[in-house]
Amino acid sequence: MKRPLYLLVALLLCFSCEKHDIEREIILKVRDSKAACVGAHGPMECLQIQEGELVGTQQWHFFYEQIEGFTYQEGYIYTMRVRKETLRSPPADGSSIKYSLLELVSKEEV
């Protein structure tokens, strides 16, 4: 009789420890030019971004990821709403964060 109870408790513990994808919407501002940076596979060109509520008031940071649904064109500053998703099972050689374009708020020529 004790064996099924132990099995049930073990199953409940496994399910309660399972990680879930975490999604949230953020605002990203993308600079009009890329910059030389060093990624996991060596030298590359990175987008430069500002993220979150302080967009426009902070320094530009390297962005090593891709934004699904977004095509970058040099010479424009973009402001966009993006879904930022933390993946529970990321690819072995990939990022644990996935970005997807929700809305292009503005595209300003520089």
C-alpha atoms as a PDB file:
ATOM      1  CA  MET A   1       0.000   0.000   0.000  1.00  0.00           C
ATOM      2  CA  LYS A   2       2.908   2.378   0.659  1.00  0.00           C
ATOM      3  CA  ARG A   3       4.434   1.907  -2.797  1.00  0.00           C
ATOM      4  CA  PRO A   4       1.612   3.682  -4.758  1.00  0.00           C
ATOM      5  CA  LEU A   5       1.741   6.585  -2.289  1.00  0.00           C
ATOM      6  CA  TYR A   6       5.502   7.022  -2.804  1.00  0.00           C
ATOM      7  CA  LEU A   7       4.998   6.885  -6.566  1.00  0.00           C
ATOM      8  CA  LEU A   8       2.273   9.532  -6.400  1.00  0.00           C
ATOM      9  CA  VAL A   9       4.447  11.837  -4.273  1.00  0.00           C
ATOM     10  CA  ALA A  10       7.389  11.390  -6.670  1.00  0.00           C
ATOM     11  CA  LEU A  11       5.205  12.243  -9.675  1.00  0.00           C
ATOM     12  CA  LEU A  12       3.829  15.355  -7.985  1.00  0.00           C
ATOM     13  CA  LEU A  13       7.343  16.529  -7.150  1.00  0.00           C
ATOM     14  CA  CYS A  14       8.461  16.065 -10.756  1.00  0.00           C
ATOM     15  CA  PHE A  15       5.572  18.107 -12.132  1.00  0.00           C
ATOM     16  CA  SER A  16       5.966  20.872  -9.561  1.00  0.00           C
ATOM     17  CA  CYS A  17       9.654  21.313 -10.484  1.00  0.00           C
ATOM     18  CA  GLU A  18       8.998  21.599 -14.225  1.00  0.00           C
ATOM     19  CA  LYS A  19      10.123  24.928 -15.627  1.00  0.00           C
ATOM     20  CA  HIS A  20       7.652  26.882 -17.719  1.00  0.00           C
ATOM     21  CA  ASP A  21       8.393  29.345 -20.503  1.00  0.00           C
ATOM     22  CA  ILE A  22       8.259  32.897 -19.172  1.00  0.00           C
ATOM     23  CA  GLU A  23       6.921  35.527 -21.555  1.00  0.00           C
ATOM     24  CA  ARG A  24       6.680  39.264 -21.221  1.00  0.00           C
ATOM     25  CA  GLU A  25       6.306  42.226 -23.525  1.00  0.00           C
ATOM     26  CA  ILE A  26       9.058  44.830 -23.651  1.00  0.00           C
ATOM     27  CA  ILE A  27       9.902  47.937 -25.644  1.00  0.00           C
ATOM     28  CA  LEU A  28      13.145  47.829 -27.651  1.00  0.00           C
ATOM     29  CA  LYS A  29      14.819  50.691 -29.447  1.00  0.00           C
ATOM     30  CA  VAL A  30      17.300  49.628 -32.152  1.00  0.00           C
ATOM     31  CA  ARG A  31      20.075  51.995 -33.228  1.00  0.00           C
ATOM     32  CA  ASP A  32      20.613  53.012 -36.852  1.00  0.00           C
ATOM     33  CA  SER A  33      23.951  51.161 -37.192  1.00  0.00           C
ATOM     34  CA  LYS A  34      25.482  47.885 -36.051  1.00  0.00           C
ATOM     35  CA  ALA A  35      28.747  47.670 -34.098  1.00  0.00           C
ATOM     36  CA  ALA A  36      31.621  45.205 -34.020  1.00  0.00           C
ATOM     37  CA  CYS A  37      31.287  42.782 -31.108  1.00  0.00           C
ATOM     38  CA  VAL A  38      32.451  39.320 -30.092  1.00  0.00           C
ATOM     39  CA  GLY A  39      29.836  36.587 -29.758  1.00  0.00           C
ATOM     40  CA  ALA A  40      30.005  32.931 -28.753  1.00  0.00           C
ATOM     41  CA  HIS A  41      31.378  32.007 -32.182  1.00  0.00           C
ATOM     42  CA  GLY A  42      33.837  34.885 -32.552  1.00  0.00           C
ATOM     43  CA  PRO A  43      33.739  38.385 -34.049  1.00  0.00           C
ATOM     44  CA  MET A  44      30.441  39.580 -35.480  1.00  0.00           C
ATOM     45  CA  GLU A  45      28.306  42.686 -35.975  1.00  0.00           C
ATOM     46  CA  CYS A  46      25.663  43.312 -33.328  1.00  0.00           C
ATOM     47  CA  LEU A  47      22.563  45.417 -33.245  1.00  0.00           C
ATOM     48  CA  GLN A  48      22.694  48.105 -30.575  1.00  0.00           C
ATOM     49  CA  ILE A  49      19.611  48.419 -28.388  1.00  0.00           C
ATOM     50  CA  GLN A  50      17.962  50.138 -25.479  1.00  0.00           C
ATOM     51  CA  GLU A  51      15.430  48.052 -23.575  1.00  0.00           C
ATOM     52  CA  GLY A  52      12.501  48.696 -21.284  1.00  0.00           C
ATOM     53  CA  GLU A  53      10.945  51.729 -19.665  1.00  0.00           C
ATOM     54  CA  LEU A  54      14.079  53.873 -19.901  1.00  0.00           C
ATOM     55  CA  VAL A  55      14.324  53.701 -23.705  1.00  0.00           C
ATOM     56  CA  GLY A  56      15.905  56.911 -24.932  1.00  0.00           C
ATOM     57  CA  THR A  57      17.598  57.729 -21.623  1.00  0.00           C
ATOM     58  CA  GLN A  58      20.207  54.988 -21.390  1.00  0.00           C
ATOM     59  CA  GLN A  59      23.364  53.822 -23.160  1.00  0.00           C
ATOM     60  CA  TRP A  60      23.207  51.533 -26.175  1.00  0.00           C
ATOM     61  CA  HIS A  61      23.979  47.852 -25.483  1.00  0.00           C
ATOM     62  CA  PHE A  62      25.075  45.056 -27.796  1.00  0.00           C
ATOM     63  CA  PHE A  63      22.263  42.729 -28.834  1.00  0.00           C
ATOM     64  CA  TYR A  64      23.522  39.263 -29.802  1.00  0.00           C
ATOM     65  CA  GLU A  65      20.126  37.717 -30.565  1.00  0.00           C
ATOM     66  CA  GLN A  66      17.693  37.728 -33.487  1.00  0.00           C
ATOM     67  CA  ILE A  67      14.194  39.209 -33.394  1.00  0.00           C
ATOM     68  CA  GLU A  68      11.737  36.902 -35.121  1.00  0.00           C
ATOM     69  CA  GLY A  69       9.674  38.854 -37.656  1.00  0.00           C
ATOM     70  CA  PHE A  70      12.033  41.868 -37.764  1.00  0.00           C
ATOM     71  CA  THR A  71      14.206  42.818 -40.734  1.00  0.00           C
ATOM     72  CA  TYR A  72      16.889  45.363 -39.891  1.00  0.00           C
ATOM     73  CA  GLN A  73      17.777  48.102 -42.357  1.00  0.00           C
ATOM     74  CA  GLU A  74      20.747  50.342 -41.598  1.00  0.00           C
ATOM     75  CA  GLY A  75      20.065  54.074 -41.356  1.00  0.00           C
ATOM     76  CA  TYR A  76      16.870  53.822 -39.300  1.00  0.00           C
ATOM     77  CA  ILE A  77      16.166  53.930 -35.583  1.00  0.00           C
ATOM     78  CA  TYR A  78      13.405  51.488 -34.687  1.00  0.00           C
ATOM     79  CA  THR A  79      11.107  51.448 -31.684  1.00  0.00           C
ATOM     80  CA  MET A  80       9.151  48.220 -31.254  1.00  0.00           C
ATOM     81  CA  ARG A  81       7.090  46.111 -28.916  1.00  0.00           C
ATOM     82  CA  VAL A  82       8.674  42.685 -28.552  1.00  0.00           C
ATOM     83  CA  ARG A  83       7.786  39.451 -26.787  1.00  0.00           C
ATOM     84  CA  LYS A  84      10.747  38.280 -24.700  1.00  0.00           C
ATOM     85  CA  GLU A  85      10.425  34.592 -23.912  1.00  0.00           C
ATOM     86  CA  THR A  86      12.721  32.572 -21.644  1.00  0.00           C
ATOM     87  CA  LEU A  87      12.792  29.051 -23.081  1.00  0.00           C
ATOM     88  CA  ARG A  88      12.664  26.076 -20.758  1.00  0.00           C
ATOM     89  CA  SER A  89      14.516  23.843 -23.258  1.00  0.00           C
ATOM     90  CA  PRO A  90      16.869  26.020 -25.310  1.00  0.00           C
ATOM     91  CA  PRO A  91      18.982  24.538 -28.112  1.00  0.00           C
ATOM     92  CA  ALA A  92      22.411  23.323 -26.977  1.00  0.00           C
ATOM     93  CA  ASP A  93      24.264  26.005 -28.926  1.00  0.00           C
ATOM     94  CA  GLY A  94      21.566  28.682 -28.785  1.00  0.00           C
ATOM     95  CA  SER A  95      20.170  31.308 -26.499  1.00  0.00           C
ATOM     96  CA  SER A  96      17.703  30.643 -23.711  1.00  0.00           C
ATOM     97  CA  ILE A  97      15.816  33.798 -24.731  1.00  0.00           C
ATOM     98  CA  LYS A  98      13.634  34.208 -27.814  1.00  0.00           C
ATOM     99  CA  TYR A  99      12.521  37.608 -29.112  1.00  0.00           C
ATOM    100  CA  SER A 100       9.498  38.054 -31.405  1.00  0.00           C
ATOM    101  CA  LEU A 101       8.269  41.283 -32.970  1.00  0.00           C
ATOM    102  CA  LEU A 102       4.747  42.200 -31.867  1.00  0.00           C
ATOM    103  CA  GLU A 103       4.485  45.736 -33.260  1.00  0.00           C
ATOM    104  CA  LEU A 104       6.782  48.150 -35.055  1.00  0.00           C
ATOM    105  CA  VAL A 105       5.972  51.400 -33.240  1.00  0.00           C
ATOM    106  CA  SER A 106       8.238  53.660 -35.299  1.00  0.00           C
ATOM    107  CA  LYS A 107      10.952  53.606 -37.966  1.00  0.00           C
ATOM    108  CA  GLU A 108      12.821  56.924 -38.149  1.00  0.00           C
ATOM    109  CA  GLU A 109      15.370  57.659 -40.881  1.00  0.00           C
ATOM    110  CA  VAL A 110      18.615  59.130 -39.551  1.00  0.00           C
END
